[in-house]
C-alpha cells in the first residue's frame, strides 16, 4: 500500500510541475506585478492572462 501511495504522489508531483512549467510566463508576470503593486484586481489578472495566452 505504501508503495502505491508513493507512486500516486510521484505522478501528481510530476503533473503539478508540468502545469507550473507550462504556465511559467504567467506566473512570472503575476509575481512581478504583485511585487510592484501588492495586489491585483480580477480585471488586472485577466489582462495578464490574456497577454500571456496571446504569446
N, C-alpha and C. Protein backbone atom coordinates (compact mmCIF):
# COMPACT_ATOMS: atom_id res chain seq x y z
N UNK A 1 0.82 -1.19 0.00
CA UNK A 1 0.00 0.00 0.00
C UNK A 1 0.87 1.27 0.00
N UNK A 2 1.89 1.31 0.83
CA UNK A 2 2.77 2.48 0.88
C UNK A 2 3.45 2.74 -0.46
N UNK A 3 3.80 1.67 -1.16
CA UNK A 3 4.44 1.82 -2.46
C UNK A 3 3.47 2.45 -3.46
N UNK A 4 2.22 2.03 -3.42
CA UNK A 4 1.20 2.58 -4.32
C UNK A 4 0.97 4.07 -4.04
N UNK A 5 0.92 4.43 -2.77
CA UNK A 5 0.75 5.84 -2.39
C UNK A 5 1.93 6.65 -2.89
N UNK A 6 3.13 6.13 -2.75
CA UNK A 6 4.33 6.81 -3.24
C UNK A 6 4.26 7.02 -4.75
N UNK A 7 3.76 6.02 -5.49
CA UNK A 7 3.61 6.14 -6.94
C UNK A 7 2.61 7.23 -7.29
N UNK A 8 1.49 7.26 -6.58
CA UNK A 8 0.46 8.27 -6.83
C UNK A 8 1.02 9.66 -6.57
N UNK A 9 1.71 9.83 -5.45
CA UNK A 9 2.28 11.13 -5.11
C UNK A 9 3.33 11.56 -6.14
N UNK A 10 4.14 10.63 -6.59
CA UNK A 10 5.15 10.94 -7.60
C UNK A 10 4.48 11.39 -8.89
N UNK A 11 3.42 10.70 -9.29
CA UNK A 11 2.69 11.06 -10.50
C UNK A 11 2.06 12.44 -10.37
N UNK A 12 1.42 12.71 -9.25
CA UNK A 12 0.77 14.00 -9.04
C UNK A 12 1.79 15.13 -8.97
N UNK A 13 2.93 14.88 -8.36
CA UNK A 13 4.00 15.87 -8.30
C UNK A 13 4.48 16.20 -9.72
N UNK A 14 4.65 15.17 -10.53
CA UNK A 14 5.08 15.38 -11.91
C UNK A 14 4.07 16.19 -12.70
N UNK A 15 2.79 15.91 -12.50
CA UNK A 15 1.75 16.68 -13.19
C UNK A 15 1.73 18.13 -12.74
N UNK A 16 1.88 18.35 -11.43
CA UNK A 16 1.90 19.71 -10.90
C UNK A 16 3.08 20.49 -11.47
N UNK A 17 4.24 19.88 -11.53
CA UNK A 17 5.42 20.55 -12.08
C UNK A 17 5.24 20.86 -13.56
N UNK A 18 4.59 19.96 -14.29
CA UNK A 18 4.35 20.21 -15.72
C UNK A 18 3.42 21.41 -15.91
N UNK A 19 2.41 21.52 -15.06
CA UNK A 19 1.49 22.66 -15.13
C UNK A 19 2.24 23.95 -14.82
N UNK A 20 3.08 23.92 -13.80
CA UNK A 20 3.85 25.11 -13.45
C UNK A 20 4.80 25.52 -14.57
N UNK A 21 5.46 24.54 -15.19
CA UNK A 21 6.35 24.84 -16.31
C UNK A 21 5.57 25.40 -17.49
N UNK A 22 4.41 24.82 -17.76
CA UNK A 22 3.59 25.27 -18.88
C UNK A 22 3.15 26.72 -18.72
N UNK A 23 2.93 27.13 -17.49
CA UNK A 23 2.42 28.47 -17.21
C UNK A 23 3.46 29.37 -16.53
N UNK A 24 4.73 29.07 -16.74
CA UNK A 24 5.81 29.81 -16.08
C UNK A 24 5.78 31.29 -16.44
N UNK A 25 5.48 31.61 -17.68
CA UNK A 25 5.42 33.02 -18.10
C UNK A 25 4.35 33.79 -17.35
N UNK A 26 3.18 33.19 -17.22
CA UNK A 26 2.09 33.83 -16.49
C UNK A 26 2.45 33.99 -15.01
N UNK A 27 3.03 32.95 -14.44
CA UNK A 27 3.43 33.03 -13.03
C UNK A 27 4.45 34.15 -12.81
N UNK A 28 5.39 34.28 -13.74
CA UNK A 28 6.40 35.33 -13.65
C UNK A 28 5.74 36.71 -13.75
N UNK A 29 4.83 36.87 -14.69
CA UNK A 29 4.13 38.16 -14.87
C UNK A 29 3.33 38.53 -13.62
N UNK A 30 2.60 37.57 -13.09
CA UNK A 30 1.80 37.83 -11.89
C UNK A 30 2.71 38.17 -10.72
N UNK A 31 3.80 37.43 -10.58
CA UNK A 31 4.74 37.70 -9.48
C UNK A 31 5.32 39.10 -9.57
N UNK A 32 5.76 39.48 -10.78
CA UNK A 32 6.33 40.83 -10.96
C UNK A 32 5.31 41.90 -10.61
N UNK A 33 4.09 41.74 -11.11
CA UNK A 33 3.05 42.73 -10.84
C UNK A 33 2.72 42.79 -9.36
N UNK A 34 2.68 41.66 -8.68
CA UNK A 34 2.39 41.66 -7.24
C UNK A 34 3.51 42.33 -6.44
N UNK A 35 4.75 42.14 -6.88
CA UNK A 35 5.85 42.82 -6.20
C UNK A 35 5.74 44.33 -6.37
N UNK A 36 5.25 44.77 -7.51
CA UNK A 36 5.09 46.20 -7.77
C UNK A 36 3.90 46.79 -7.02
N UNK A 37 2.77 46.09 -7.07
CA UNK A 37 1.51 46.67 -6.61
C UNK A 37 0.94 46.04 -5.34
N UNK A 38 1.43 44.90 -4.94
CA UNK A 38 1.00 44.15 -3.76
C UNK A 38 -0.37 43.49 -3.88
N UNK A 39 -1.15 43.85 -4.88
CA UNK A 39 -2.43 43.18 -5.10
C UNK A 39 -2.83 43.36 -6.56
N UNK A 40 -3.75 42.52 -7.00
CA UNK A 40 -4.27 42.59 -8.36
C UNK A 40 -5.78 42.48 -8.31
N UNK A 41 -6.43 43.27 -9.11
CA UNK A 41 -7.88 43.12 -9.25
C UNK A 41 -8.13 41.95 -10.21
N UNK A 42 -9.35 41.51 -10.24
CA UNK A 42 -9.70 40.44 -11.18
C UNK A 42 -9.43 40.87 -12.61
N UNK A 43 -9.78 42.11 -12.95
CA UNK A 43 -9.57 42.57 -14.32
C UNK A 43 -8.08 42.66 -14.67
N UNK A 44 -7.24 43.07 -13.71
CA UNK A 44 -5.80 43.12 -13.95
C UNK A 44 -5.24 41.71 -14.18
N UNK A 45 -5.72 40.76 -13.36
CA UNK A 45 -5.27 39.38 -13.53
C UNK A 45 -5.70 38.84 -14.89
N UNK A 46 -6.95 39.11 -15.27
CA UNK A 46 -7.44 38.63 -16.56
C UNK A 46 -6.65 39.24 -17.72
N UNK A 47 -6.24 40.49 -17.59
CA UNK A 47 -5.43 41.13 -18.62
C UNK A 47 -4.06 40.45 -18.73
N UNK A 48 -3.44 40.14 -17.61
CA UNK A 48 -2.17 39.41 -17.64
C UNK A 48 -2.36 38.04 -18.30
N UNK A 49 -3.44 37.38 -17.97
CA UNK A 49 -3.74 36.08 -18.55
C UNK A 49 -3.91 36.19 -20.06
N UNK A 50 -4.67 37.19 -20.51
CA UNK A 50 -4.87 37.39 -21.95
C UNK A 50 -3.54 37.67 -22.66
N UNK A 51 -2.70 38.48 -22.05
CA UNK A 51 -1.42 38.82 -22.70
C UNK A 51 -0.50 37.60 -22.79
N UNK A 52 -0.54 36.72 -21.81
CA UNK A 52 0.28 35.51 -21.86
C UNK A 52 -0.25 34.52 -22.87
N UNK A 53 -1.55 34.41 -22.98
CA UNK A 53 -2.15 33.50 -23.95
C UNK A 53 -1.84 33.96 -25.37
N UNK A 54 -1.79 35.29 -25.56
CA UNK A 54 -1.50 35.85 -26.89
C UNK A 54 -0.07 35.52 -27.34
N UNK A 55 0.83 35.31 -26.40
CA UNK A 55 2.23 34.99 -26.76
C UNK A 55 2.28 33.59 -27.17
